[in-house]
Amino acid sequence: MDFANRGNRPNAAPQQPTGMQQEQQTQSFQPMNNSDKNKKRGFDFGKVTSGILLVGTTLLVLALILGLVFGVGGGAEEADQIQADKYQAVFLDSQDGQVYFGKLGVYNKDLYQLTDIYYVRVENPIQPEGANQTQQPNISLAKLGNELHGPQDVMYIARDKVLYWENLKDDGQVVTAITNYKENGETTPTDSTTQTQQEGSSNQSTNDTDTTDTTQ
């Protein structure tokens, strides 16, 4: 027997009772219960939901930025109010209160586009010295394009220079004058011009009568 090396051998690890070993193995291989599974599954669903919300918010912000920069969708609601089968009156923010009539459209977020354009022309008649000075100017509707500089029949108007615009009725004075112009090929005076001319003729006849009576 080797009694010399007995003291140098390591002591064997104490053995646990068989019952304790089985209990430890049972605990180590115990499956996860339903509550633990639900917690883990709920955590993953929350991460997915957060990612979807983040992507959606980013896309919404980008759409708003594109709309502000490039005017995507700008003026769409106003364009729906413009009746394409009607003429429109456009009142400008100018010192002389210029008004144009034509087919109005929204060109972009900064400009309107006006075609088939007409405007009011005011002519002050030359009166001889000593004549009645109360005669009113002649007002008529003129077609754009016959001016000295020869503009094309389209106009781009800054939207911030427009006070307001209106859809015109087909039986209104302006649309009636436009219809007559297209049929006759000449400018048509408005009702106010006709009334002014009639008053001028009446005043002229009265002046002639007074002059004749004074001469006699």
C-alpha atoms as a PDB file:
ATOM      1  CA  MET A   1       0.000   0.000   0.000  1.00  0.00           C
ATOM      2  CA  ASP A   2       1.194   3.514  -0.894  1.00  0.00           C
ATOM      3  CA  PHE A   3       0.983   5.374   2.398  1.00  0.00           C
ATOM      4  CA  ALA A   4       3.581   7.944   1.299  1.00  0.00           C
ATOM      5  CA  ASN A   5       1.468   9.657  -1.348  1.00  0.00           C
ATOM      6  CA  ARG A   6      -1.803   9.520   0.564  1.00  0.00           C
ATOM      7  CA  GLY A   7      -1.211  12.843   2.180  1.00  0.00           C
ATOM      8  CA  ASN A   8      -0.449  14.553  -1.184  1.00  0.00           C
ATOM      9  CA  ARG A   9      -3.685  13.541  -2.902  1.00  0.00           C
ATOM     10  CA  PRO A  10      -6.429  16.155  -3.112  1.00  0.00           C
ATOM     11  CA  ASN A  11      -9.386  15.591  -1.010  1.00  0.00           C
ATOM     12  CA  ALA A  12     -12.440  14.419  -2.927  1.00  0.00           C
ATOM     13  CA  ALA A  13     -15.290  16.900  -3.177  1.00  0.00           C
ATOM     14  CA  PRO A  14     -18.035  16.198  -0.774  1.00  0.00           C
ATOM     15  CA  GLN A  15     -20.952  14.515  -2.439  1.00  0.00           C
ATOM     16  CA  GLN A  16     -24.393  16.042  -2.080  1.00  0.00           C
ATOM     17  CA  PRO A  17     -27.268  13.854  -1.240  1.00  0.00           C
ATOM     18  CA  THR A  18     -29.123  12.359  -4.163  1.00  0.00           C
ATOM     19  CA  GLY A  19     -32.339  14.265  -3.363  1.00  0.00           C
ATOM     20  CA  MET A  20     -30.623  17.674  -3.532  1.00  0.00           C
ATOM     21  CA  GLN A  21     -29.005  16.872  -6.913  1.00  0.00           C
ATOM     22  CA  GLN A  22     -32.355  15.959  -8.433  1.00  0.00           C
ATOM     23  CA  GLU A  23     -33.922  19.164  -7.084  1.00  0.00           C
ATOM     24  CA  GLN A  24     -31.181  21.341  -8.624  1.00  0.00           C
ATOM     25  CA  GLN A  25     -31.521  19.601 -12.005  1.00  0.00           C
ATOM     26  CA  THR A  26     -35.287  20.089 -11.905  1.00  0.00           C
ATOM     27  CA  GLN A  27     -34.873  23.814 -11.186  1.00  0.00           C
ATOM     28  CA  SER A  28     -32.273  24.304 -13.951  1.00  0.00           C
ATOM     29  CA  PHE A  29     -34.454  22.673 -16.608  1.00  0.00           C
ATOM     30  CA  GLN A  30     -37.752  24.229 -15.473  1.00  0.00           C
ATOM     31  CA  PRO A  31     -39.570  25.773 -18.549  1.00  0.00           C
ATOM     32  CA  MET A  32     -40.635  29.458 -18.675  1.00  0.00           C
ATOM     33  CA  ASN A  33     -44.139  30.065 -17.506  1.00  0.00           C
ATOM     34  CA  ASN A  34     -46.744  31.987 -19.601  1.00  0.00           C
ATOM     35  CA  SER A  35     -46.273  35.284 -17.762  1.00  0.00           C
ATOM     36  CA  ASP A  36     -42.558  35.403 -18.654  1.00  0.00           C
ATOM     37  CA  LYS A  37     -43.352  34.661 -22.291  1.00  0.00           C
ATOM     38  CA  ASN A  38     -45.970  37.415 -22.423  1.00  0.00           C
ATOM     39  CA  LYS A  39     -43.555  39.924 -20.901  1.00  0.00           C
ATOM     40  CA  LYS A  40     -40.913  39.163 -23.510  1.00  0.00           C
ATOM     41  CA  ARG A  41     -43.429  39.207 -26.347  1.00  0.00           C
ATOM     42  CA  GLY A  42     -44.928  42.523 -25.145  1.00  0.00           C
ATOM     43  CA  PHE A  43     -41.514  44.131 -25.016  1.00  0.00           C
ATOM     44  CA  ASP A  44     -40.815  43.217 -28.649  1.00  0.00           C
ATOM     45  CA  PHE A  45     -44.228  44.576 -29.762  1.00  0.00           C
ATOM     46  CA  GLY A  46     -43.508  47.884 -28.056  1.00  0.00           C
ATOM     47  CA  LYS A  47     -40.238  48.251 -29.938  1.00  0.00           C
ATOM     48  CA  VAL A  48     -41.974  47.596 -33.259  1.00  0.00           C
ATOM     49  CA  THR A  49     -44.715  50.111 -32.470  1.00  0.00           C
ATOM     50  CA  SER A  50     -42.179  52.771 -31.541  1.00  0.00           C
ATOM     51  CA  GLY A  51     -40.315  52.203 -34.811  1.00  0.00           C
ATOM     52  CA  ILE A  52     -43.496  52.555 -36.871  1.00  0.00           C
ATOM     53  CA  LEU A  53     -44.450  55.799 -35.111  1.00  0.00           C
ATOM     54  CA  LEU A  54     -40.969  57.205 -35.654  1.00  0.00           C
ATOM     55  CA  VAL A  55     -41.031  56.423 -39.387  1.00  0.00           C
ATOM     56  CA  GLY A  56     -44.542  57.864 -39.794  1.00  0.00           C
ATOM     57  CA  THR A  57     -43.640  61.094 -37.990  1.00  0.00           C
ATOM     58  CA  THR A  58     -40.525  61.498 -40.129  1.00  0.00           C
ATOM     59  CA  LEU A  59     -42.499  61.067 -43.364  1.00  0.00           C
ATOM     60  CA  LEU A  60     -45.109  63.592 -42.205  1.00  0.00           C
ATOM     61  CA  VAL A  61     -42.469  66.191 -41.400  1.00  0.00           C
ATOM     62  CA  LEU A  62     -40.809  65.672 -44.787  1.00  0.00           C
ATOM     63  CA  ALA A  63     -44.156  66.103 -46.558  1.00  0.00           C
ATOM     64  CA  LEU A  64     -44.797  69.370 -44.730  1.00  0.00           C
ATOM     65  CA  ILE A  65     -41.339  70.666 -45.613  1.00  0.00           C
ATOM     66  CA  LEU A  66     -41.803  69.782 -49.295  1.00  0.00           C
ATOM     67  CA  GLY A  67     -45.174  71.487 -49.296  1.00  0.00           C
ATOM     68  CA  LEU A  68     -43.736  74.703 -47.863  1.00  0.00           C
ATOM     69  CA  VAL A  69     -40.657  74.767 -50.098  1.00  0.00           C
ATOM     70  CA  PHE A  70     -42.085  73.620 -53.419  1.00  0.00           C
ATOM     71  CA  GLY A  71     -45.705  74.575 -52.958  1.00  0.00           C
ATOM     72  CA  VAL A  72     -46.977  71.008 -53.264  1.00  0.00           C
ATOM     73  CA  GLY A  73     -50.750  71.256 -52.983  1.00  0.00           C
ATOM     74  CA  GLY A  74     -50.614  75.016 -52.512  1.00  0.00           C
ATOM     75  CA  GLY A  75     -53.818  76.752 -53.522  1.00  0.00           C
ATOM     76  CA  ALA A  76     -55.651  73.530 -54.288  1.00  0.00           C
ATOM     77  CA  GLU A  77     -58.729  74.560 -52.318  1.00  0.00           C
ATOM     78  CA  GLU A  78     -58.834  77.992 -53.951  1.00  0.00           C
ATOM     79  CA  ALA A  79     -58.443  76.463 -57.410  1.00  0.00           C
ATOM     80  CA  ASP A  80     -61.532  74.366 -56.764  1.00  0.00           C
ATOM     81  CA  GLN A  81     -63.546  77.573 -56.222  1.00  0.00           C
ATOM     82  CA  ILE A  82     -62.634  78.967 -59.656  1.00  0.00           C
ATOM     83  CA  GLN A  83     -65.361  78.003 -62.113  1.00  0.00           C
ATOM     84  CA  ALA A  84     -63.561  77.076 -65.325  1.00  0.00           C
ATOM     85  CA  ASP A  85     -66.645  77.647 -67.490  1.00  0.00           C
ATOM     86  CA  LYS A  86     -67.059  81.216 -66.216  1.00  0.00           C
ATOM     87  CA  TYR A  87     -65.160  84.476 -66.540  1.00  0.00           C
ATOM     88  CA  GLN A  88     -63.528  85.993 -63.482  1.00  0.00           C
ATOM     89  CA  ALA A  89     -62.940  89.562 -62.397  1.00  0.00           C
ATOM     90  CA  VAL A  90     -59.538  90.204 -60.791  1.00  0.00           C
ATOM     91  CA  PHE A  91     -59.206  93.352 -58.663  1.00  0.00           C
ATOM     92  CA  LEU A  92     -55.605  94.443 -58.196  1.00  0.00           C
ATOM     93  CA  ASP A  93     -54.119  96.224 -55.215  1.00  0.00           C
ATOM     94  CA  SER A  94     -53.027  99.275 -57.192  1.00  0.00           C
ATOM     95  CA  GLN A  95     -53.494 103.019 -56.918  1.00  0.00           C
ATOM     96  CA  ASP A  96     -55.738 103.193 -59.964  1.00  0.00           C
ATOM     97  CA  GLY A  97     -57.809 100.166 -58.871  1.00  0.00           C
ATOM     98  CA  GLN A  98     -57.136  98.250 -62.102  1.00  0.00           C
ATOM     99  CA  VAL A  99     -59.549  95.397 -62.868  1.00  0.00           C
ATOM    100  CA  TYR A 100     -58.982  92.613 -65.404  1.00  0.00           C
ATOM    101  CA  PHE A 101     -61.542  90.137 -66.713  1.00  0.00           C
ATOM    102  CA  GLY A 102     -60.684  86.726 -68.106  1.00  0.00           C
ATOM    103  CA  LYS A 103     -60.163  83.063 -67.362  1.00  0.00           C
ATOM    104  CA  LEU A 104     -58.388  82.777 -64.026  1.00  0.00           C
ATOM    105  CA  GLY A 105     -56.245  79.885 -62.824  1.00  0.00           C
ATOM    106  CA  VAL A 106     -53.754  79.162 -60.042  1.00  0.00           C
ATOM    107  CA  TYR A 107     -50.289  78.890 -61.644  1.00  0.00           C
ATOM    108  CA  ASN A 108     -48.381  78.132 -58.421  1.00  0.00           C
ATOM    109  CA  LYS A 109     -48.289  79.253 -54.803  1.00  0.00           C
ATOM    110  CA  ASP A 110     -47.083  82.739 -55.825  1.00  0.00           C
ATOM    111  CA  LEU A 111     -48.812  83.471 -59.149  1.00  0.00           C
ATOM    112  CA  TYR A 112     -52.205  83.499 -60.814  1.00  0.00           C
ATOM    113  CA  GLN A 113     -52.564  82.913 -64.543  1.00  0.00           C
ATOM    114  CA  LEU A 114     -55.136  84.941 -66.482  1.00  0.00           C
ATOM    115  CA  THR A 115     -56.055  84.263 -70.119  1.00  0.00           C
ATOM    116  CA  ASP A 116     -58.617  85.645 -72.598  1.00  0.00           C
ATOM    117  CA  ILE A 117     -58.117  89.008 -70.956  1.00  0.00           C
ATOM    118  CA  TYR A 118     -60.267  92.131 -71.134  1.00  0.00           C
ATOM    119  CA  TYR A 119     -60.073  95.370 -69.216  1.00  0.00           C
ATOM    120  CA  VAL A 120     -61.990  98.605 -68.799  1.00  0.00           C
ATOM    121  CA  ARG A 121     -60.785 101.453 -71.009  1.00  0.00           C
ATOM    122  CA  VAL A 122     -61.611 105.033 -70.056  1.00  0.00           C
ATOM    123  CA  GLU A 123     -61.477 107.735 -72.731  1.00  0.00           C
ATOM    124  CA  ASN A 124     -61.751 111.388 -71.869  1.00  0.00           C
ATOM    125  CA  PRO A 125     -63.185 113.256 -74.897  1.00  0.00           C
ATOM    126  CA  ILE A 126     -61.471 116.435 -76.012  1.00  0.00           C
ATOM    127  CA  GLN A 127     -63.811 119.306 -75.314  1.00  0.00           C
ATOM    128  CA  PRO A 128     -63.607 122.664 -77.074  1.00  0.00           C
ATOM    129  CA  GLU A 129     -63.029 125.765 -75.052  1.00  0.00           C
ATOM    130  CA  GLY A 130     -66.216 127.062 -73.499  1.00  0.00           C
ATOM    131  CA  ALA A 131     -68.079 123.735 -73.887  1.00  0.00           C
ATOM    132  CA  ASN A 132     -69.871 121.959 -71.110  1.00  0.00           C
ATOM    133  CA  GLN A 133     -67.179 120.648 -68.729  1.00  0.00           C
ATOM    134  CA  THR A 134     -69.504 118.198 -66.949  1.00  0.00           C
ATOM    135  CA  GLN A 135     -69.371 115.588 -69.719  1.00  0.00           C
ATOM    136  CA  GLN A 136     -68.358 112.188 -68.339  1.00  0.00           C
ATOM    137  CA  PRO A 137     -65.574 110.029 -69.865  1.00  0.00           C
ATOM    138  CA  ASN A 138     -66.429 107.159 -72.193  1.00  0.00           C
ATOM    139  CA  ILE A 139     -66.028 103.744 -70.560  1.00  0.00           C
ATOM    140  CA  SER A 140     -65.699 100.658 -72.748  1.00  0.00           C
ATOM    141  CA  LEU A 141     -64.352  97.125 -72.605  1.00  0.00           C
ATOM    142  CA  ALA A 142     -61.079  96.500 -74.450  1.00  0.00           C
ATOM    143  CA  LYS A 143     -59.314  93.282 -75.425  1.00  0.00           C
ATOM    144  CA  LEU A 144     -55.733  92.817 -74.289  1.00  0.00           C
ATOM    145  CA  GLY A 145     -53.278  92.487 -77.175  1.00  0.00           C
ATOM    146  CA  ASN A 146     -53.984  95.619 -79.221  1.00  0.00           C
ATOM    147  CA  GLU A 147     -51.704  97.826 -77.141  1.00  0.00           C
ATOM    148  CA  LEU A 148     -48.542  99.461 -78.479  1.00  0.00           C
ATOM    149  CA  HIS A 149     -46.200  96.897 -76.904  1.00  0.00           C
ATOM    150  CA  GLY A 150     -48.263  93.980 -78.312  1.00  0.00           C
ATOM    151  CA  PRO A 151     -48.658  91.673 -75.285  1.00  0.00           C
ATOM    152  CA  GLN A 152     -49.782  88.081 -75.616  1.00  0.00           C
ATOM    153  CA  ASP A 153     -53.188  87.105 -74.300  1.00  0.00           C
ATOM    154  CA  VAL A 154     -51.863  85.694 -71.036  1.00  0.00           C
ATOM    155  CA  MET A 155     -50.914  87.402 -67.804  1.00  0.00           C
ATOM    156  CA  TYR A 156     -49.176  86.179 -64.649  1.00  0.00           C
ATOM    157  CA  ILE A 157     -50.266  88.123 -61.588  1.00  0.00           C
ATOM    158  CA  ALA A 158     -48.627  88.004 -58.159  1.00  0.00           C
ATOM    159  CA  ARG A 159     -51.142  86.582 -55.731  1.00  0.00           C
ATOM    160  CA  ASP A 160     -50.209  89.071 -53.015  1.00  0.00           C
ATOM    161  CA  LYS A 161     -51.121  91.923 -55.410  1.00  0.00           C
ATOM    162  CA  VAL A 162     -54.712  90.728 -55.813  1.00  0.00           C
ATOM    163  CA  LEU A 163     -57.291  92.190 -53.453  1.00  0.00           C
ATOM    164  CA  TYR A 164     -59.942  89.671 -54.454  1.00  0.00           C
ATOM    165  CA  TRP A 165     -61.434  87.914 -57.461  1.00  0.00           C
ATOM    166  CA  GLU A 166     -64.989  86.983 -58.429  1.00  0.00           C
ATOM    167  CA  ASN A 167     -66.757  84.497 -60.674  1.00  0.00           C
ATOM    168  CA  LEU A 168     -68.951  86.412 -63.148  1.00  0.00           C
ATOM    169  CA  LYS A 169     -72.474  85.546 -64.221  1.00  0.00           C
ATOM    170  CA  ASP A 170     -73.163  84.898 -67.886  1.00  0.00           C
ATOM    171  CA  ASP A 171     -75.931  87.512 -68.000  1.00  0.00           C
ATOM    172  CA  GLY A 172     -73.841  90.256 -66.373  1.00  0.00           C
ATOM    173  CA  GLN A 173     -72.813  93.417 -68.230  1.00  0.00           C
ATOM    174  CA  VAL A 174     -69.155  92.413 -68.535  1.00  0.00           C
ATOM    175  CA  VAL A 175     -69.761  88.910 -69.911  1.00  0.00           C
ATOM    176  CA  THR A 176     -72.436  90.296 -72.246  1.00  0.00           C
ATOM    177  CA  ALA A 177     -69.942  92.862 -73.534  1.00  0.00           C
ATOM    178  CA  ILE A 178     -67.318  90.131 -74.030  1.00  0.00           C
ATOM    179  CA  THR A 179     -69.824  88.040 -75.982  1.00  0.00           C
ATOM    180  CA  ASN A 180     -70.685  91.020 -78.190  1.00  0.00           C
ATOM    181  CA  TYR A 181     -67.001  91.703 -78.773  1.00  0.00           C
ATOM    182  CA  LYS A 182     -66.393  88.138 -79.937  1.00  0.00           C
ATOM    183  CA  GLU A 183     -69.383  88.323 -82.252  1.00  0.00           C
ATOM    184  CA  ASN A 184     -68.740  91.818 -83.654  1.00  0.00           C
ATOM    185  CA  GLY A 185     -64.970  92.017 -83.326  1.00  0.00           C
ATOM    186  CA  GLU A 186     -65.012  95.434 -81.688  1.00  0.00           C
ATOM    187  CA  THR A 187     -65.149  96.890 -78.223  1.00  0.00           C
ATOM    188  CA  THR A 188     -68.582  97.288 -76.733  1.00  0.00           C
ATOM    189  CA  PRO A 189     -69.415 100.190 -74.446  1.00  0.00           C
ATOM    190  CA  THR A 190     -70.957  99.369 -71.109  1.00  0.00           C
ATOM    191  CA  ASP A 191     -74.371 100.579 -70.011  1.00  0.00           C
ATOM    192  CA  SER A 192     -72.798 103.420 -68.062  1.00  0.00           C
ATOM    193  CA  THR A 193     -71.056 104.598 -71.226  1.00  0.00           C
ATOM    194  CA  THR A 194     -74.306 104.537 -73.186  1.00  0.00           C
ATOM    195  CA  GLN A 195     -76.062 106.461 -70.458  1.00  0.00           C
ATOM    196  CA  THR A 196     -73.249 108.998 -70.351  1.00  0.00           C
ATOM    197  CA  GLN A 197     -73.377 109.487 -74.121  1.00  0.00           C
ATOM    198  CA  GLN A 198     -77.132 109.984 -73.987  1.00  0.00           C
ATOM    199  CA  GLU A 199     -76.784 112.560 -71.233  1.00  0.00           C
ATOM    200  CA  GLY A 200     -74.057 114.306 -73.206  1.00  0.00           C
ATOM    201  CA  SER A 201     -76.243 114.439 -76.304  1.00  0.00           C
ATOM    202  CA  SER A 202     -79.134 115.807 -74.261  1.00  0.00           C
ATOM    203  CA  ASN A 203     -76.950 118.476 -72.704  1.00  0.00           C
ATOM    204  CA  GLN A 204     -75.538 119.390 -76.107  1.00  0.00           C
ATOM    205  CA  SER A 205     -79.058 119.764 -77.543  1.00  0.00           C
ATOM    206  CA  THR A 206     -80.040 121.965 -74.605  1.00  0.00           C
ATOM    207  CA  ASN A 207     -76.982 124.154 -75.127  1.00  0.00           C
ATOM    208  CA  ASP A 208     -77.767 124.502 -78.820  1.00  0.00           C
ATOM    209  CA  THR A 209     -81.346 125.513 -78.028  1.00  0.00           C
ATOM    210  CA  ASP A 210     -80.220 128.071 -75.486  1.00  0.00           C
ATOM    211  CA  THR A 211     -77.740 129.509 -77.970  1.00  0.00           C
ATOM    212  CA  THR A 212     -80.434 129.810 -80.650  1.00  0.00           C
ATOM    213  CA  ASP A 213     -82.828 131.568 -78.297  1.00  0.00           C
ATOM    214  CA  THR A 214     -80.157 134.015 -77.232  1.00  0.00           C
ATOM    215  CA  THR A 215     -79.288 134.786 -80.810  1.00  0.00           C
ATOM    216  CA  GLN A 216     -82.886 135.526 -81.689  1.00  0.00           C
END
